[in-house]
N, C-alpha and C. Protein backbone atom coordinates (compact mmCIF):
# COMPACT_ATOMS: atom_id res chain seq x y z
N MET A 1 46.26 -52.09 78.50
CA MET A 1 47.25 -51.04 78.56
C MET A 1 46.80 -49.87 77.72
N ASN A 2 46.73 -48.75 78.37
CA ASN A 2 46.40 -47.57 77.51
C ASN A 2 47.58 -46.99 76.70
N GLU A 3 47.14 -45.96 75.89
CA GLU A 3 48.16 -45.41 75.00
C GLU A 3 49.24 -44.70 75.67
N GLN A 4 48.91 -43.93 76.83
CA GLN A 4 49.93 -43.34 77.57
C GLN A 4 51.02 -44.25 78.14
N VAL A 5 50.52 -45.36 78.63
CA VAL A 5 51.54 -46.34 79.18
C VAL A 5 52.31 -46.93 78.02
N LYS A 6 51.67 -47.23 76.85
CA LYS A 6 52.45 -47.80 75.72
C LYS A 6 53.60 -46.90 75.30
N THR A 7 53.20 -45.58 75.13
CA THR A 7 54.16 -44.53 74.71
C THR A 7 55.29 -44.48 75.67
N ALA A 8 54.98 -44.44 76.97
CA ALA A 8 56.03 -44.33 78.05
C ALA A 8 56.96 -45.51 77.97
N LEU A 9 56.36 -46.64 77.95
CA LEU A 9 57.30 -47.94 77.96
C LEU A 9 58.12 -47.97 76.62
N LYS A 10 57.59 -47.49 75.53
CA LYS A 10 58.43 -47.34 74.42
C LYS A 10 59.67 -46.41 74.51
N LEU A 11 59.37 -45.22 75.16
CA LEU A 11 60.43 -44.34 75.40
C LEU A 11 61.49 -44.95 76.47
N ILE A 12 61.04 -45.58 77.46
CA ILE A 12 61.88 -46.13 78.47
C ILE A 12 62.72 -47.24 77.79
N ARG A 13 62.23 -48.05 76.95
CA ARG A 13 62.99 -49.12 76.36
C ARG A 13 64.12 -48.52 75.48
N GLY A 14 63.92 -47.37 75.03
CA GLY A 14 64.95 -46.64 74.18
C GLY A 14 66.10 -46.17 75.06
N GLY A 15 66.02 -46.14 76.40
CA GLY A 15 67.08 -45.68 77.18
C GLY A 15 67.16 -44.17 77.26
N GLU A 16 68.10 -43.79 78.19
CA GLU A 16 68.36 -42.37 78.37
C GLU A 16 69.01 -41.80 77.04
N GLY A 17 68.67 -40.57 76.79
CA GLY A 17 69.20 -39.87 75.66
C GLY A 17 68.90 -38.37 75.70
N GLN A 18 68.91 -37.84 74.50
CA GLN A 18 68.68 -36.47 74.27
C GLN A 18 67.31 -36.04 74.81
N PHE A 19 66.34 -36.92 74.72
CA PHE A 19 64.98 -36.63 75.09
C PHE A 19 64.39 -37.29 76.25
N VAL A 20 65.20 -38.22 76.96
CA VAL A 20 64.77 -38.99 77.90
C VAL A 20 65.73 -39.04 79.09
N GLU A 21 65.07 -39.00 80.32
CA GLU A 21 65.88 -38.99 81.59
C GLU A 21 65.24 -39.86 82.56
N PHE A 22 65.94 -40.78 83.28
CA PHE A 22 65.32 -41.57 84.43
C PHE A 22 65.85 -41.14 85.77
N LYS A 23 64.97 -41.25 86.80
CA LYS A 23 65.36 -41.05 88.14
C LYS A 23 64.55 -42.13 88.92
N LYS A 24 65.41 -42.65 89.95
CA LYS A 24 64.70 -43.72 90.73
C LYS A 24 63.77 -43.16 91.67
N LYS A 25 64.12 -41.99 92.32
CA LYS A 25 63.18 -41.44 93.29
C LYS A 25 63.30 -39.81 93.08
N ALA A 26 62.30 -39.09 93.74
CA ALA A 26 62.29 -37.58 93.72
C ALA A 26 62.63 -37.11 95.05
N ASN A 27 63.38 -37.74 95.98
CA ASN A 27 63.65 -37.34 97.31
C ASN A 27 64.68 -36.22 97.41
N HIS A 28 65.39 -35.93 96.27
CA HIS A 28 66.18 -34.75 96.20
C HIS A 28 65.85 -33.99 94.96
N PRO A 29 64.76 -33.24 94.97
CA PRO A 29 64.16 -32.58 93.77
C PRO A 29 65.05 -31.45 93.33
N GLU A 30 65.79 -30.91 94.24
CA GLU A 30 66.68 -29.71 93.78
C GLU A 30 67.73 -30.17 92.87
N LYS A 31 68.00 -31.58 92.92
CA LYS A 31 68.99 -32.06 91.91
C LYS A 31 68.34 -32.53 90.59
N ILE A 32 67.13 -32.71 90.66
CA ILE A 32 66.39 -33.15 89.51
C ILE A 32 65.98 -32.07 88.58
N ILE A 33 65.75 -30.85 89.11
CA ILE A 33 65.22 -29.75 88.28
C ILE A 33 66.26 -29.35 87.29
N ARG A 34 67.45 -29.67 87.38
CA ARG A 34 68.54 -29.39 86.36
C ARG A 34 68.01 -30.08 85.00
N GLU A 35 67.56 -31.28 85.17
CA GLU A 35 67.04 -32.04 84.00
C GLU A 35 65.87 -31.31 83.37
N VAL A 36 64.99 -30.76 84.21
CA VAL A 36 63.81 -30.14 83.75
C VAL A 36 64.16 -28.82 82.99
N VAL A 37 65.07 -28.06 83.56
CA VAL A 37 65.62 -26.92 82.94
C VAL A 37 66.25 -27.20 81.58
N ALA A 38 67.06 -28.20 81.66
CA ALA A 38 67.84 -28.59 80.38
C ALA A 38 66.91 -28.94 79.24
N PHE A 39 65.86 -29.70 79.50
CA PHE A 39 64.92 -30.04 78.52
C PHE A 39 64.26 -28.76 77.97
N ALA A 40 63.82 -27.89 78.92
CA ALA A 40 63.05 -26.64 78.53
C ALA A 40 63.96 -25.76 77.58
N ASN A 41 65.34 -25.74 77.93
CA ASN A 41 66.21 -24.86 77.20
C ASN A 41 66.74 -25.55 75.84
N SER A 42 66.38 -26.84 75.75
CA SER A 42 66.72 -27.52 74.46
C SER A 42 65.47 -27.73 73.73
N THR A 43 65.12 -29.00 73.39
CA THR A 43 64.04 -29.26 72.52
C THR A 43 62.94 -30.04 73.21
N GLY A 44 62.91 -29.96 74.55
CA GLY A 44 61.97 -30.69 75.30
C GLY A 44 62.37 -32.13 75.61
N GLY A 45 61.59 -32.80 76.39
CA GLY A 45 61.93 -34.12 76.74
C GLY A 45 61.10 -34.80 77.80
N HIS A 46 61.38 -35.95 78.17
CA HIS A 46 60.47 -36.83 79.15
C HIS A 46 61.33 -37.27 80.32
N LEU A 47 60.89 -36.91 81.51
CA LEU A 47 61.54 -37.36 82.63
C LEU A 47 60.65 -38.44 83.42
N PHE A 48 61.22 -39.55 83.67
CA PHE A 48 60.58 -40.63 84.31
C PHE A 48 61.17 -40.90 85.72
N VAL A 49 60.23 -40.83 86.71
CA VAL A 49 60.66 -41.07 88.07
C VAL A 49 60.03 -42.32 88.54
N GLY A 50 60.98 -43.33 89.14
CA GLY A 50 60.55 -44.59 89.43
C GLY A 50 61.24 -45.53 88.56
N VAL A 51 62.26 -45.10 87.77
CA VAL A 51 62.88 -45.99 86.77
C VAL A 51 64.45 -45.95 87.06
N ASP A 52 65.11 -47.00 87.07
CA ASP A 52 66.57 -47.05 87.35
C ASP A 52 67.28 -46.60 86.03
N ASP A 53 68.51 -46.25 86.26
CA ASP A 53 69.44 -45.77 85.04
C ASP A 53 69.42 -46.78 83.99
N ASN A 54 69.29 -48.12 84.32
CA ASN A 54 69.38 -49.06 83.22
C ASN A 54 68.03 -49.38 82.61
N GLY A 55 66.91 -48.68 83.07
CA GLY A 55 65.66 -48.86 82.51
C GLY A 55 64.71 -49.62 83.22
N THR A 56 65.18 -50.27 84.32
CA THR A 56 64.36 -51.23 85.07
C THR A 56 63.23 -50.43 85.81
N LEU A 57 61.99 -50.91 85.76
CA LEU A 57 60.88 -50.26 86.33
C LEU A 57 60.81 -50.55 87.79
N ALA A 58 61.56 -49.73 88.59
CA ALA A 58 61.50 -49.98 90.01
C ALA A 58 60.23 -49.51 90.71
N GLY A 59 59.61 -48.49 90.09
CA GLY A 59 58.32 -48.10 90.74
C GLY A 59 58.43 -47.20 91.92
N LEU A 60 57.33 -46.59 92.39
CA LEU A 60 57.24 -45.67 93.54
C LEU A 60 56.25 -46.20 94.47
N LYS A 61 56.63 -46.26 95.84
CA LYS A 61 55.81 -46.59 96.90
C LYS A 61 54.63 -45.69 97.07
N TYR A 62 54.97 -44.38 97.04
CA TYR A 62 54.05 -43.41 97.25
C TYR A 62 54.14 -42.35 96.07
N PRO A 63 53.65 -42.65 94.87
CA PRO A 63 53.70 -41.75 93.70
C PRO A 63 53.21 -40.42 93.91
N GLU A 64 52.08 -40.28 94.65
CA GLU A 64 51.41 -38.99 94.81
C GLU A 64 52.24 -38.08 95.65
N ASP A 65 52.97 -38.57 96.68
CA ASP A 65 53.79 -37.82 97.47
C ASP A 65 55.04 -37.27 96.63
N GLU A 66 55.60 -38.30 95.88
CA GLU A 66 56.73 -37.82 95.06
C GLU A 66 56.28 -36.78 94.05
N GLU A 67 55.16 -36.92 93.38
CA GLU A 67 54.74 -35.95 92.46
C GLU A 67 54.49 -34.64 93.07
N TYR A 68 53.94 -34.54 94.29
CA TYR A 68 53.77 -33.29 94.92
C TYR A 68 55.04 -32.59 95.23
N VAL A 69 56.12 -33.38 95.72
CA VAL A 69 57.33 -32.75 96.13
C VAL A 69 58.10 -32.28 94.91
N LEU A 70 58.10 -33.04 93.82
CA LEU A 70 58.89 -32.61 92.59
C LEU A 70 58.17 -31.56 91.91
N THR A 71 56.88 -31.61 91.70
CA THR A 71 56.15 -30.56 91.02
C THR A 71 56.25 -29.28 91.70
N LYS A 72 56.27 -29.27 93.06
CA LYS A 72 56.46 -28.05 93.87
C LYS A 72 57.83 -27.50 93.60
N ALA A 73 58.84 -28.31 93.51
CA ALA A 73 60.15 -27.81 93.37
C ALA A 73 60.23 -27.27 91.92
N ILE A 74 59.71 -27.86 90.98
CA ILE A 74 59.73 -27.35 89.55
C ILE A 74 59.17 -25.96 89.54
N ASN A 75 58.00 -25.80 90.22
CA ASN A 75 57.29 -24.52 90.06
C ASN A 75 57.96 -23.41 90.98
N GLU A 76 58.76 -23.80 91.97
CA GLU A 76 59.32 -22.81 92.74
C GLU A 76 60.78 -22.56 92.44
N LEU A 77 61.54 -23.58 91.93
CA LEU A 77 62.93 -23.42 91.76
C LEU A 77 63.40 -23.29 90.33
N CYS A 78 62.45 -23.30 89.37
CA CYS A 78 62.80 -23.12 87.96
C CYS A 78 62.29 -21.66 87.55
N ARG A 79 63.14 -20.92 87.03
CA ARG A 79 62.68 -19.61 86.51
C ARG A 79 63.31 -19.20 85.22
N PRO A 80 62.53 -18.68 84.34
CA PRO A 80 61.08 -18.43 84.38
C PRO A 80 60.35 -19.76 84.52
N LEU A 81 59.03 -19.88 84.71
CA LEU A 81 58.28 -20.96 84.93
C LEU A 81 58.43 -21.95 83.66
N VAL A 82 58.52 -23.24 83.97
CA VAL A 82 58.57 -24.26 82.89
C VAL A 82 57.24 -24.76 82.67
N GLN A 83 57.00 -25.11 81.38
CA GLN A 83 55.66 -25.70 80.93
C GLN A 83 55.74 -27.19 80.92
N PHE A 84 54.94 -27.98 81.55
CA PHE A 84 55.12 -29.36 81.54
C PHE A 84 53.74 -30.01 82.01
N THR A 85 53.70 -31.34 81.68
CA THR A 85 52.50 -32.21 82.11
C THR A 85 53.14 -33.32 83.01
N VAL A 86 52.35 -33.80 83.91
CA VAL A 86 52.77 -34.93 84.82
C VAL A 86 51.55 -35.86 84.90
N GLU A 87 51.86 -37.09 84.87
CA GLU A 87 50.88 -38.12 85.17
C GLU A 87 51.49 -39.38 85.90
N ILE A 88 50.68 -39.96 86.73
CA ILE A 88 51.04 -41.25 87.36
C ILE A 88 50.63 -42.43 86.45
N LEU A 89 51.58 -43.31 86.02
CA LEU A 89 51.32 -44.38 85.21
C LEU A 89 51.47 -45.75 85.84
N GLN A 90 50.55 -46.58 85.75
CA GLN A 90 50.66 -47.96 86.26
C GLN A 90 51.23 -48.83 85.09
N VAL A 91 52.57 -49.08 85.20
CA VAL A 91 53.24 -49.76 84.12
C VAL A 91 53.27 -51.25 84.32
N LYS A 92 53.00 -51.73 85.43
CA LYS A 92 52.84 -53.21 85.74
C LYS A 92 51.92 -53.27 86.91
N GLU A 93 51.52 -54.44 87.21
CA GLU A 93 50.71 -54.72 88.40
C GLU A 93 51.42 -54.26 89.60
N ASP A 94 50.87 -53.30 90.34
CA ASP A 94 51.45 -52.77 91.60
C ASP A 94 52.85 -51.96 91.33
N VAL A 95 53.02 -51.63 90.06
CA VAL A 95 54.21 -50.68 89.85
C VAL A 95 53.79 -49.40 89.16
N GLU A 96 54.03 -48.33 89.83
CA GLU A 96 53.62 -47.03 89.37
C GLU A 96 54.83 -46.13 89.30
N ILE A 97 54.81 -45.32 88.12
CA ILE A 97 55.97 -44.28 88.00
C ILE A 97 55.30 -42.98 87.73
N LEU A 98 56.17 -41.89 87.61
CA LEU A 98 55.74 -40.64 87.22
C LEU A 98 56.39 -40.31 85.89
N HIS A 99 55.59 -39.69 85.12
CA HIS A 99 56.05 -39.28 83.74
C HIS A 99 55.80 -37.81 83.57
N TYR A 100 56.82 -37.07 83.55
CA TYR A 100 56.83 -35.61 83.40
C TYR A 100 57.26 -35.40 81.87
N HIS A 101 56.39 -34.74 81.20
CA HIS A 101 56.68 -34.27 79.77
C HIS A 101 56.97 -32.70 79.77
N ILE A 102 58.20 -32.42 79.54
CA ILE A 102 58.72 -31.12 79.61
C ILE A 102 58.70 -30.48 78.20
N PHE A 103 58.10 -29.39 78.01
CA PHE A 103 58.06 -28.77 76.66
C PHE A 103 59.11 -27.88 76.48
N GLU A 104 59.54 -27.72 75.18
CA GLU A 104 60.51 -26.78 74.68
C GLU A 104 59.95 -25.36 75.02
N SER A 105 60.91 -24.50 75.61
CA SER A 105 60.36 -23.21 76.01
C SER A 105 60.57 -22.25 74.86
N LYS A 106 59.65 -21.18 74.91
CA LYS A 106 59.81 -20.05 74.08
C LYS A 106 60.35 -18.83 74.80
N ASP A 107 60.78 -19.09 76.07
CA ASP A 107 61.25 -18.05 76.91
C ASP A 107 62.56 -18.48 77.59
N LYS A 108 63.51 -18.91 76.71
CA LYS A 108 64.80 -19.30 77.18
C LYS A 108 65.66 -18.06 77.42
N PRO A 109 66.72 -18.26 78.32
CA PRO A 109 67.02 -19.36 79.01
C PRO A 109 66.39 -19.57 80.37
N HIS A 110 66.14 -20.79 80.88
CA HIS A 110 65.58 -21.03 82.13
C HIS A 110 66.78 -21.29 83.06
N PHE A 111 66.54 -21.11 84.40
CA PHE A 111 67.60 -21.32 85.47
C PHE A 111 67.09 -22.17 86.55
N ALA A 112 67.98 -23.09 87.08
CA ALA A 112 67.62 -23.92 88.25
C ALA A 112 68.25 -23.18 89.46
N PHE A 113 67.45 -23.12 90.53
CA PHE A 113 67.92 -22.57 91.81
C PHE A 113 67.96 -23.65 92.84
N LEU A 114 68.95 -23.63 93.72
CA LEU A 114 69.07 -24.58 94.73
C LEU A 114 67.99 -24.37 95.84
N GLU A 115 67.77 -23.06 96.08
CA GLU A 115 66.71 -22.73 97.02
C GLU A 115 65.91 -21.62 96.46
N LYS A 116 64.64 -21.49 96.96
CA LYS A 116 63.72 -20.43 96.44
C LYS A 116 64.19 -19.09 96.71
N LYS A 117 64.94 -18.90 97.75
CA LYS A 117 65.40 -17.55 98.31
C LYS A 117 66.65 -17.10 97.56
N HIS A 118 67.28 -18.01 96.76
CA HIS A 118 68.52 -17.64 96.14
C HIS A 118 68.24 -16.67 94.91
N ARG A 119 69.22 -15.80 94.77
CA ARG A 119 69.03 -14.74 93.74
C ARG A 119 69.54 -15.26 92.28
N TYR A 120 70.47 -16.08 92.36
CA TYR A 120 71.03 -16.51 90.98
C TYR A 120 70.98 -18.12 90.87
N GLY A 121 70.62 -18.48 89.68
CA GLY A 121 70.52 -19.86 89.45
C GLY A 121 71.45 -20.28 88.26
N LYS A 122 71.46 -21.48 87.83
CA LYS A 122 72.25 -22.01 86.77
C LYS A 122 71.41 -22.57 85.65
N ALA A 123 71.84 -22.22 84.39
CA ALA A 123 71.21 -22.71 83.15
C ALA A 123 71.83 -24.05 82.80
N PHE A 124 70.91 -24.95 82.33
CA PHE A 124 71.43 -26.15 81.83
C PHE A 124 70.92 -26.37 80.43
N VAL A 125 71.60 -27.30 79.67
CA VAL A 125 71.09 -27.69 78.39
C VAL A 125 71.24 -29.20 78.28
N ARG A 126 70.54 -29.83 77.35
CA ARG A 126 70.67 -31.12 77.17
C ARG A 126 71.76 -31.49 76.12
N SER A 127 72.60 -32.40 76.33
CA SER A 127 73.58 -32.88 75.37
C SER A 127 73.72 -34.35 75.44
N GLU A 128 73.05 -35.00 74.47
CA GLU A 128 72.85 -36.45 74.45
C GLU A 128 72.17 -36.94 75.72
N ASP A 129 72.82 -37.67 76.58
CA ASP A 129 72.10 -38.24 77.69
C ASP A 129 72.49 -37.51 79.01
N GLN A 130 73.11 -36.27 78.94
CA GLN A 130 73.51 -35.53 79.97
C GLN A 130 72.93 -34.18 79.97
N SER A 131 72.73 -33.59 81.21
CA SER A 131 72.28 -32.20 81.31
C SER A 131 73.52 -31.41 81.80
N ILE A 132 73.98 -30.56 80.94
CA ILE A 132 75.22 -29.75 81.38
C ILE A 132 74.97 -28.28 81.52
N GLN A 133 75.84 -27.72 82.34
CA GLN A 133 75.64 -26.31 82.62
C GLN A 133 75.93 -25.50 81.35
N ALA A 134 75.16 -24.63 81.03
CA ALA A 134 75.24 -23.80 79.78
C ALA A 134 76.45 -22.84 79.94
N SER A 135 77.17 -22.75 78.89
CA SER A 135 78.22 -21.69 78.80
C SER A 135 77.74 -20.41 78.61
N TYR A 136 78.54 -19.36 78.71
CA TYR A 136 78.16 -17.99 78.39
C TYR A 136 77.64 -17.80 76.96
N GLU A 137 78.31 -18.62 76.07
CA GLU A 137 77.89 -18.42 74.68
C GLU A 137 76.49 -19.00 74.40
N VAL A 138 76.17 -20.10 75.04
CA VAL A 138 74.99 -20.89 74.91
C VAL A 138 73.92 -20.08 75.50
N ARG A 139 74.19 -19.40 76.63
CA ARG A 139 73.11 -18.57 77.28
C ARG A 139 72.74 -17.33 76.38
N GLN A 140 73.76 -16.76 75.89
CA GLN A 140 73.51 -15.59 74.96
C GLN A 140 72.82 -15.97 73.77
N ILE A 141 73.07 -17.15 73.20
CA ILE A 141 72.43 -17.62 72.00
C ILE A 141 70.94 -17.94 72.27
N LEU A 142 70.71 -18.56 73.42
CA LEU A 142 69.22 -18.89 73.84
C LEU A 142 68.51 -17.56 74.08
N LYS A 143 69.15 -16.54 74.74
CA LYS A 143 68.51 -15.36 75.14
C LYS A 143 68.26 -14.38 73.84
N ARG A 144 69.13 -14.37 72.94
CA ARG A 144 68.99 -13.50 71.84
C ARG A 144 68.46 -14.11 70.55
N SER A 145 68.18 -15.39 70.56
CA SER A 145 67.75 -16.13 69.37
C SER A 145 66.35 -15.54 68.87
N LYS A 146 65.56 -15.01 69.77
CA LYS A 146 64.17 -14.52 69.25
C LYS A 146 64.16 -13.34 68.65
N LYS A 147 65.42 -12.59 68.72
CA LYS A 147 65.49 -11.20 68.12
C LYS A 147 65.90 -11.25 66.67
N ALA A 148 65.61 -10.25 65.92
CA ALA A 148 66.04 -10.15 64.47
C ALA A 148 67.57 -9.87 64.52
N HIS A 149 68.22 -10.47 63.55
CA HIS A 149 69.73 -10.31 63.50
C HIS A 149 70.18 -9.89 62.16
N GLN A 150 71.43 -9.17 62.19
CA GLN A 150 72.00 -8.66 60.97
C GLN A 150 72.52 -9.82 60.15
N PRO A 151 72.46 -9.68 58.83
CA PRO A 151 72.97 -10.80 57.98
C PRO A 151 74.47 -10.87 58.25
N ILE A 152 74.99 -11.97 57.98
CA ILE A 152 76.45 -12.25 58.18
C ILE A 152 77.29 -11.46 57.10
N GLU A 153 78.38 -10.89 57.59
CA GLU A 153 79.33 -10.24 56.67
C GLU A 153 80.61 -11.10 56.50
N PHE A 154 80.93 -11.45 55.32
CA PHE A 154 82.09 -12.38 55.12
C PHE A 154 83.33 -11.57 55.04
N GLU A 155 83.78 -10.92 56.13
CA GLU A 155 85.06 -10.27 56.22
C GLU A 155 86.14 -11.24 56.47
N GLU A 156 87.37 -10.77 56.66
CA GLU A 156 88.56 -11.58 56.66
C GLU A 156 88.41 -12.74 57.68
N LYS A 157 88.15 -12.37 58.88
CA LYS A 157 88.12 -13.43 59.94
C LYS A 157 87.04 -14.51 59.70
N THR A 158 85.95 -14.01 59.18
CA THR A 158 84.86 -14.97 58.87
C THR A 158 85.35 -15.97 57.75
N ARG A 159 85.90 -15.40 56.70
CA ARG A 159 86.44 -16.29 55.60
C ARG A 159 87.50 -17.28 56.15
N GLN A 160 88.30 -16.68 57.12
CA GLN A 160 89.35 -17.52 57.66
C GLN A 160 88.81 -18.74 58.48
N LEU A 161 87.72 -18.45 59.16
CA LEU A 161 87.05 -19.53 59.89
C LEU A 161 86.46 -20.54 59.00
N PHE A 162 85.82 -20.14 57.95
CA PHE A 162 85.22 -21.06 57.06
C PHE A 162 86.13 -21.95 56.18
N LYS A 163 87.35 -21.29 56.02
CA LYS A 163 88.52 -22.00 55.43
C LYS A 163 88.94 -23.09 56.28
N TYR A 164 88.94 -22.83 57.64
CA TYR A 164 89.31 -23.82 58.58
C TYR A 164 88.40 -25.03 58.57
N PHE A 165 87.11 -24.78 58.33
CA PHE A 165 86.07 -25.76 58.36
C PHE A 165 86.17 -26.76 57.11
N GLU A 166 87.08 -26.24 56.16
CA GLU A 166 87.23 -27.19 54.95
C GLU A 166 87.93 -28.45 55.34
N ASN A 167 88.69 -28.40 56.46
CA ASN A 167 89.57 -29.51 56.94
C ASN A 167 89.17 -29.93 58.32
N ASN A 168 88.22 -29.14 59.01
CA ASN A 168 87.90 -29.54 60.35
C ASN A 168 86.35 -29.44 60.47
N SER A 169 85.75 -30.37 61.29
CA SER A 169 84.28 -30.40 61.37
C SER A 169 83.77 -29.37 62.39
N GLY A 170 84.56 -28.95 63.26
CA GLY A 170 84.15 -28.08 64.37
C GLY A 170 85.28 -27.27 64.93
N ILE A 171 84.90 -26.29 65.79
CA ILE A 171 86.04 -25.56 66.51
C ILE A 171 85.42 -25.04 67.85
N THR A 172 86.36 -25.03 68.86
CA THR A 172 85.88 -24.61 70.25
C THR A 172 86.30 -23.06 70.26
N LEU A 173 85.78 -22.38 71.36
CA LEU A 173 86.17 -21.08 71.56
C LEU A 173 87.61 -20.81 71.76
N VAL A 174 88.21 -21.61 72.47
CA VAL A 174 89.70 -21.53 72.67
C VAL A 174 90.46 -21.65 71.44
N GLU A 175 90.04 -22.69 70.62
CA GLU A 175 90.75 -22.88 69.29
C GLU A 175 90.45 -21.71 68.41
N TYR A 176 89.36 -21.17 68.30
CA TYR A 176 89.01 -20.12 67.51
C TYR A 176 89.83 -18.76 67.96
N ALA A 177 89.90 -18.60 69.21
CA ALA A 177 90.78 -17.36 69.71
C ALA A 177 92.21 -17.49 69.17
N LYS A 178 92.64 -18.75 69.25
CA LYS A 178 94.10 -19.01 68.83
C LYS A 178 94.14 -18.76 67.27
N LEU A 179 93.19 -19.35 66.60
CA LEU A 179 93.14 -19.26 65.06
C LEU A 179 93.13 -17.74 64.63
N SER A 180 92.14 -17.02 65.21
CA SER A 180 91.83 -15.71 64.79
C SER A 180 92.72 -14.63 65.29
N GLY A 181 93.41 -14.85 66.49
CA GLY A 181 94.30 -13.93 67.10
C GLY A 181 93.50 -12.96 67.96
N LEU A 182 92.23 -13.17 68.13
CA LEU A 182 91.28 -12.32 68.89
C LEU A 182 91.44 -12.70 70.43
N ASN A 183 91.17 -11.85 71.30
CA ASN A 183 91.13 -12.21 72.68
C ASN A 183 89.85 -12.99 72.77
N LYS A 184 89.72 -13.66 74.06
CA LYS A 184 88.59 -14.54 74.28
C LYS A 184 87.31 -13.85 74.16
N LYS A 185 87.16 -12.65 74.72
CA LYS A 185 85.90 -11.94 74.64
C LYS A 185 85.38 -11.67 73.24
N LEU A 186 86.40 -11.04 72.41
CA LEU A 186 86.04 -10.81 70.99
C LEU A 186 85.69 -12.07 70.14
N ALA A 187 86.56 -13.09 70.54
CA ALA A 187 86.26 -14.39 69.80
C ALA A 187 84.92 -14.95 70.21
N SER A 188 84.52 -14.81 71.40
CA SER A 188 83.19 -15.34 71.90
C SER A 188 82.14 -14.54 71.20
N ASN A 189 82.22 -13.17 71.11
CA ASN A 189 81.21 -12.39 70.46
C ASN A 189 81.07 -12.67 69.07
N LYS A 190 82.24 -13.01 68.43
CA LYS A 190 82.26 -13.23 66.95
C LYS A 190 81.49 -14.63 66.73
N LEU A 191 81.72 -15.60 67.55
CA LEU A 191 81.09 -17.00 67.36
C LEU A 191 79.53 -16.85 67.69
N ILE A 192 79.20 -16.05 68.69
CA ILE A 192 77.74 -15.82 68.97
C ILE A 192 77.04 -15.21 67.82
N HIS A 193 77.67 -14.15 67.33
CA HIS A 193 77.04 -13.43 66.17
C HIS A 193 76.86 -14.47 64.96
N LEU A 194 77.87 -15.15 64.69
CA LEU A 194 77.70 -16.14 63.55
C LEU A 194 76.62 -17.19 63.80
N ALA A 195 76.55 -17.64 65.08
CA ALA A 195 75.47 -18.52 65.41
C ALA A 195 74.21 -17.92 65.29
N LEU A 196 73.99 -16.69 65.69
CA LEU A 196 72.69 -16.01 65.72
C LEU A 196 72.33 -15.72 64.21
N SER A 197 73.38 -15.46 63.40
CA SER A 197 73.03 -15.14 61.98
C SER A 197 72.62 -16.43 61.24
N GLY A 198 72.77 -17.57 61.80
CA GLY A 198 72.47 -18.81 61.08
C GLY A 198 73.59 -19.42 60.29
N ALA A 199 74.75 -18.81 60.41
CA ALA A 199 75.97 -19.33 59.67
C ALA A 199 76.51 -20.61 60.48
N LEU A 200 76.43 -20.46 61.81
CA LEU A 200 77.04 -21.64 62.53
C LEU A 200 75.96 -22.26 63.49
N LYS A 201 76.20 -23.41 63.89
CA LYS A 201 75.36 -24.00 64.95
C LYS A 201 76.26 -24.42 66.10
N ILE A 202 75.75 -24.51 67.29
CA ILE A 202 76.56 -24.80 68.46
C ILE A 202 76.12 -26.19 69.08
N GLU A 203 77.08 -26.98 69.40
CA GLU A 203 76.92 -28.25 70.13
C GLU A 203 77.41 -28.16 71.56
N PRO A 204 76.65 -28.00 72.63
CA PRO A 204 77.08 -27.80 73.95
C PRO A 204 77.89 -29.01 74.42
N LYS A 205 79.02 -28.81 75.06
CA LYS A 205 79.92 -29.95 75.57
C LYS A 205 80.39 -29.40 76.93
N LYS A 206 80.64 -30.42 77.78
CA LYS A 206 81.16 -30.05 79.14
C LYS A 206 82.57 -29.49 79.03
N ASP A 207 83.40 -29.98 78.09
CA ASP A 207 84.80 -29.56 78.06
C ASP A 207 85.00 -28.49 77.05
N GLY A 208 84.00 -27.88 76.49
CA GLY A 208 83.98 -26.71 75.58
C GLY A 208 83.08 -27.03 74.38
N ASP A 209 82.14 -25.96 74.24
CA ASP A 209 81.16 -26.09 73.01
C ASP A 209 81.92 -26.24 71.76
N ILE A 210 81.23 -26.91 70.81
CA ILE A 210 81.69 -27.00 69.52
C ILE A 210 80.93 -26.25 68.55
N PHE A 211 81.52 -25.31 67.82
CA PHE A 211 80.85 -24.56 66.76
C PHE A 211 81.14 -25.19 65.39
N MET A 212 80.17 -25.28 64.64
CA MET A 212 80.37 -25.90 63.25
C MET A 212 79.41 -25.26 62.32
N PRO A 213 79.74 -25.37 60.96
CA PRO A 213 78.85 -24.78 59.95
C PRO A 213 77.49 -25.31 60.04
N ALA A 214 76.53 -24.35 59.88
CA ALA A 214 75.07 -24.83 59.96
C ALA A 214 74.85 -25.53 58.59
N GLU A 215 73.95 -26.54 58.66
CA GLU A 215 73.69 -27.27 57.51
C GLU A 215 72.65 -26.60 56.59
């Protein structure tokens, strides 16, 4: 058993999570590319095709065909282009799977498109074992994180927020708008600015991102 197979099996035994996703087949690649985009927009990850959700090594009957279809979809339906490697691994006798290693991107955010001709796509990020659609706030933070930012100014509403954190671990946009008295747009801009300045970190969630003090 070579090192690539050993590493893959170790990752698979750990189950799905922040850095690992399983797919049994690649016959609907337009649904799988959201995982690829999510890994690229987050901290990278490993996609295994031919593995059941519970980690069972189901294998692929025609791995070369599945690799062709999925790789074509990644290259055509993910924009900007995502950097990845792919290999066919024989994990058992007569059992082969695909291993895609998706690298964290320096060109975020990436978008997944349902069809090549479509003008607009959707951005996804990884949250534990799920790939969730990125909120406006997450997209802005990903897009603007490469730029230089002004240092944080501890004016009244900023002090109010950090006083809130003395008794609460995090806050959503809706909660912050209520706390600050700002409308949703201004509250959003304030949280984005604080996140970009390094004062806050954001944890993407389906039912509302959580903003919390940076460690």
